[in-house]
Amino acid sequence: MVSVAIFDYGAGNIFSLKNSLEKVGAAVDVITTFDNPNIYSGLLLPGVGNFDPAMNSIRNFSKTQIKDYVGDMPVLGICLGMEMFFEKSEEGKELGLNVIDGEVIILPSSLKVPHMGWNNLEIKKPGKILQGIEDGSWAYFVHSYRVKPNSSDVITAESDYGIKVPAVVEHENFFGTQFHPEKSSTAGKIMLENFLNECKK
């Protein structure tokens, strides 16, 4: 059984993610600091919360930097968790983790914001967590912002919401989904299984 950790920003509402991971065979701990020994094979940054408080919870409650804690361990960022991979966000003033070059911008005011509901995935290129996912599969989104990578090379899937929204990004050992896989039925379950497979390597 693969052991993974979910980092809790203090925003709560991570039970469904923990439950979904346990259903696909993971042992899951919820952690609030990176100062304890890393005994895990993977880390998840959940999708609930706001950018600045979440970044502060990562930086202010641990002496250990997240990059040092993680090393080459697979990391899955969901919604806000994925947005934190980037340099900065229009949602706040804090710097992001800067593991992917680019920024996070608000969805255009011409669209209904937040974007909430089911949307198709348009697979742009093969990805490790997209194995077994068919083009056009449905995923569940709840977000007001979108990532804007400097290079499209990190984007493995998009979704069309009047504009193209990067839906899945992969860069080295960092994987991100703008949608919530724990709420995305069969496709989400497969993606969580794919992530756990990466954790086992």
Foldseek 3Di string as FASTA:
>chain_A
DFEEEEEDLPQDPCVLVCVLLVVLPYHYDYDQELADQQPHLEYEYEADDFQVSSVCSHPVVYPDHPCVSCPQRAYEYEQSGVQLCEQEEPRDDDGGPHVFYFHKYFDDPVADPPPWAKWFKAFDADDQLCVPPDHRAIFTATDGIAIDGPDCPQQGIWTPRVHTGRAWGDDRRYIYGNTQLSPRPPSSSSSSSSSVVSSVD
